[in-house]
Amino acid sequence: MNIVTLLPFIVLIGAMFLMTRSAKKKQAAAAQMRNDMQPGTGVRTIGGMYATVKELHDDTVLLEVAPGVHAIYAKNSIGAVLDDEEYNRIVHGDDDLNVDGAVVPDDASSLTGEGDDAADRSDDAKIDLGKKAEDEDAETTDTAAKDVAAKDVAAKDAKDDGKADGETDAK
């Protein structure tokens, strides 16, 4: 046999080996994480529920879902073991996050480059929403157009009132 003929098979077997090895490493890390759980540890299940570990057994875990509410789960259903700080932040809403990067502000003032000065200037400079002379002229022409349209509708209604026998208003 020629080595060129065997090369595709060797590459295929090597790729399968690498894939299974990384999957086995992930499974071993997940099993180690589950074995490192202790009572009082915060966890997240694979379904996304956050709870506190109360008791550990061989294949099961007793979780406290809410104060006084306990549930038994399989150890395999634990998706992540959380450290105390992260668990308290998620479950209790503690906002003691130490963010090293830039914090995005709640308003868009930083995006316009005006900053805090924009809020101060907006109070001083009021926008005049009153009508001007041009607007009054436009309003009178709009009113005249509406009056003409109303007269056309009234004339059509008067024409439709002379119905023949058997005609109704139903459409």
Protein backbone atom coordinates (compact mmCIF):
# COMPACT_ATOMS: atom_id res chain seq x y z
CA MET A 1 0.00 0.00 0.00
CA ASN A 2 1.06 3.47 -0.73
CA ILE A 3 1.26 6.15 2.02
CA VAL A 4 -0.72 8.58 -0.15
CA THR A 5 -3.64 6.13 -0.13
CA LEU A 6 -3.60 5.87 3.66
CA LEU A 7 -3.18 9.62 4.29
CA PRO A 8 -6.92 10.55 4.22
CA PHE A 9 -7.69 7.76 6.72
CA ILE A 10 -4.87 8.87 9.02
CA VAL A 11 -6.10 12.48 8.95
CA LEU A 12 -9.68 11.36 9.65
CA ILE A 13 -8.64 9.20 12.61
CA GLY A 14 -6.46 12.02 13.98
CA ALA A 15 -9.35 14.52 13.77
CA MET A 16 -11.70 12.09 15.54
CA PHE A 17 -9.11 11.54 18.27
CA LEU A 18 -8.68 15.29 18.85
CA MET A 19 -12.43 15.86 19.01
CA THR A 20 -13.07 13.07 21.48
CA ARG A 21 -10.13 14.14 23.63
CA SER A 22 -11.47 17.70 24.02
CA ALA A 23 -14.95 16.37 24.79
CA LYS A 24 -13.52 14.04 27.44
CA LYS A 25 -11.64 16.98 29.00
CA LYS A 26 -14.86 19.00 29.19
CA GLN A 27 -16.74 16.08 30.75
CA ALA A 28 -13.98 15.53 33.30
CA ALA A 29 -13.96 19.23 34.22
CA ALA A 30 -17.77 19.20 34.66
CA ALA A 31 -17.58 16.07 36.85
CA GLN A 32 -14.82 17.65 38.94
CA MET A 33 -16.90 20.83 39.35
CA ARG A 34 -19.89 18.78 40.54
CA ASN A 35 -17.70 16.83 42.97
CA ASP A 36 -16.31 20.07 44.42
CA MET A 37 -19.79 21.26 45.45
CA GLN A 38 -20.33 21.72 49.15
CA PRO A 39 -23.41 22.62 51.20
CA GLY A 40 -24.03 26.37 51.05
CA THR A 41 -22.66 26.74 47.51
CA GLY A 42 -24.75 28.60 44.92
CA VAL A 43 -25.43 26.68 41.70
CA ARG A 44 -27.22 27.08 38.39
CA THR A 45 -29.02 24.08 36.96
CA ILE A 46 -28.96 23.21 33.27
CA GLY A 47 -32.53 24.53 33.17
CA GLY A 48 -31.35 27.95 34.35
CA MET A 49 -32.63 27.83 37.95
CA TYR A 50 -30.44 29.31 40.68
CA ALA A 51 -30.39 27.53 44.04
CA THR A 52 -28.25 26.81 47.10
CA VAL A 53 -26.88 23.33 47.82
CA LYS A 54 -28.19 21.92 51.12
CA GLU A 55 -27.11 18.25 51.00
CA LEU A 56 -24.99 16.07 48.72
CA HIS A 57 -25.59 12.40 48.03
CA ASP A 58 -23.99 9.95 45.60
CA ASP A 59 -26.07 10.83 42.54
CA THR A 60 -28.43 13.50 43.84
CA VAL A 61 -28.29 16.96 45.36
CA LEU A 62 -30.81 18.62 47.68
CA LEU A 63 -31.22 22.23 46.55
CA GLU A 64 -32.93 25.09 48.34
CA VAL A 65 -34.78 26.87 45.56
CA ALA A 66 -36.35 29.51 47.82
CA PRO A 67 -36.29 29.96 51.59
CA GLY A 68 -37.90 26.80 52.97
CA VAL A 69 -38.46 25.24 49.51
CA HIS A 70 -36.26 22.19 48.81
CA ALA A 71 -35.97 20.07 45.69
CA ILE A 72 -33.95 16.97 44.83
CA TYR A 73 -31.97 17.11 41.59
CA ALA A 74 -29.57 14.74 39.86
CA LYS A 75 -25.94 15.80 40.09
CA ASN A 76 -25.78 15.80 36.30
CA SER A 77 -28.40 18.55 36.21
CA ILE A 78 -26.02 21.06 37.81
CA GLY A 79 -24.77 23.29 35.02
CA ALA A 80 -22.43 25.56 36.97
CA VAL A 81 -21.15 26.04 40.48
CA LEU A 82 -21.04 29.78 41.18
CA ASP A 83 -18.80 31.66 43.59
CA ASP A 84 -20.55 33.54 46.40
CA GLU A 85 -20.09 37.00 44.86
CA GLU A 86 -21.59 36.04 41.51
CA TYR A 87 -24.45 34.07 43.11
CA ASN A 88 -25.41 37.02 45.35
CA ARG A 89 -25.21 39.43 42.42
CA ILE A 90 -27.55 37.31 40.30
CA VAL A 91 -30.02 36.10 42.93
CA HIS A 92 -30.15 38.98 45.38
CA GLY A 93 -29.42 41.81 42.95
CA ASP A 94 -26.24 42.98 44.66
CA ASP A 95 -24.69 45.50 42.28
CA ASP A 96 -21.19 45.40 43.70
CA LEU A 97 -19.62 44.62 40.35
CA ASN A 98 -16.04 45.75 39.97
CA VAL A 99 -15.87 46.74 36.32
CA ASP A 100 -12.43 47.50 34.96
CA GLY A 101 -13.56 48.75 31.55
CA ALA A 102 -15.62 51.75 30.51
CA VAL A 103 -19.16 51.98 31.85
CA VAL A 104 -21.90 52.82 29.37
CA PRO A 105 -24.06 55.74 30.61
CA ASP A 106 -27.84 55.55 30.82
CA ASP A 107 -28.37 58.50 28.48
CA ALA A 108 -26.99 59.38 25.08
CA SER A 109 -25.29 62.59 26.15
CA SER A 110 -21.85 61.01 26.00
CA LEU A 111 -22.48 59.92 22.42
CA THR A 112 -23.15 63.47 21.22
CA GLY A 113 -20.03 64.81 22.89
CA GLU A 114 -21.97 67.46 24.77
CA GLY A 115 -21.75 65.70 28.15
CA ASP A 116 -23.30 67.17 31.29
CA ASP A 117 -23.37 70.66 29.77
CA ALA A 118 -26.22 69.59 27.47
CA ALA A 119 -28.56 68.96 30.38
CA ASP A 120 -27.78 72.39 31.84
CA ARG A 121 -28.32 74.14 28.50
CA SER A 122 -31.59 72.33 27.80
CA ASP A 123 -33.19 73.93 30.86
CA ASP A 124 -32.09 77.41 29.78
CA ALA A 125 -33.03 77.25 26.12
CA LYS A 126 -36.75 76.56 25.80
CA ILE A 127 -38.24 75.68 22.47
CA ASP A 128 -41.03 77.99 21.30
CA LEU A 129 -43.96 75.83 20.29
CA GLY A 130 -46.29 78.75 19.59
CA LYS A 131 -47.86 79.36 16.18
CA LYS A 132 -46.38 81.90 13.87
CA ALA A 133 -48.13 84.06 11.26
CA GLU A 134 -47.22 81.57 8.51
CA ASP A 135 -48.79 78.76 10.49
CA GLU A 136 -52.03 80.77 10.86
CA ASP A 137 -52.23 81.26 7.07
CA ALA A 138 -51.65 77.54 6.52
CA GLU A 139 -54.32 76.77 9.12
CA THR A 140 -56.95 78.92 7.38
CA THR A 141 -56.31 77.18 4.05
CA ASP A 142 -56.53 73.78 5.80
CA THR A 143 -59.83 74.80 7.41
CA ALA A 144 -61.25 75.93 4.05
CA ALA A 145 -60.25 72.61 2.44
CA LYS A 146 -61.92 70.69 5.26
CA ASP A 147 -65.11 72.72 4.85
CA VAL A 148 -65.25 71.93 1.12
CA ALA A 149 -64.71 68.23 1.83
CA ALA A 150 -67.47 68.25 4.46
CA LYS A 151 -69.89 69.86 1.98
CA ASP A 152 -69.09 67.18 -0.62
CA VAL A 153 -69.80 64.41 1.90
CA ALA A 154 -73.07 66.07 2.94
CA ALA A 155 -74.17 66.37 -0.71
CA LYS A 156 -73.40 62.68 -1.32
CA ASP A 157 -75.38 61.68 1.78
CA ALA A 158 -78.38 63.74 0.61
CA LYS A 159 -78.21 62.02 -2.79
CA ASP A 160 -78.11 58.55 -1.19
CA ASP A 161 -81.24 59.24 0.92
CA GLY A 162 -83.49 58.83 -2.14
CA LYS A 163 -83.45 55.03 -2.10
CA ALA A 164 -85.45 52.75 -4.35
CA ASP A 165 -87.69 49.98 -2.98
CA GLY A 166 -85.77 47.15 -1.33
CA GLU A 167 -82.55 49.10 -0.79
CA THR A 168 -81.13 49.19 2.72
CA ASP A 169 -78.24 50.82 4.53
CA ALA A 170 -76.50 47.47 5.08
CA LYS A 171 -73.25 47.01 3.25
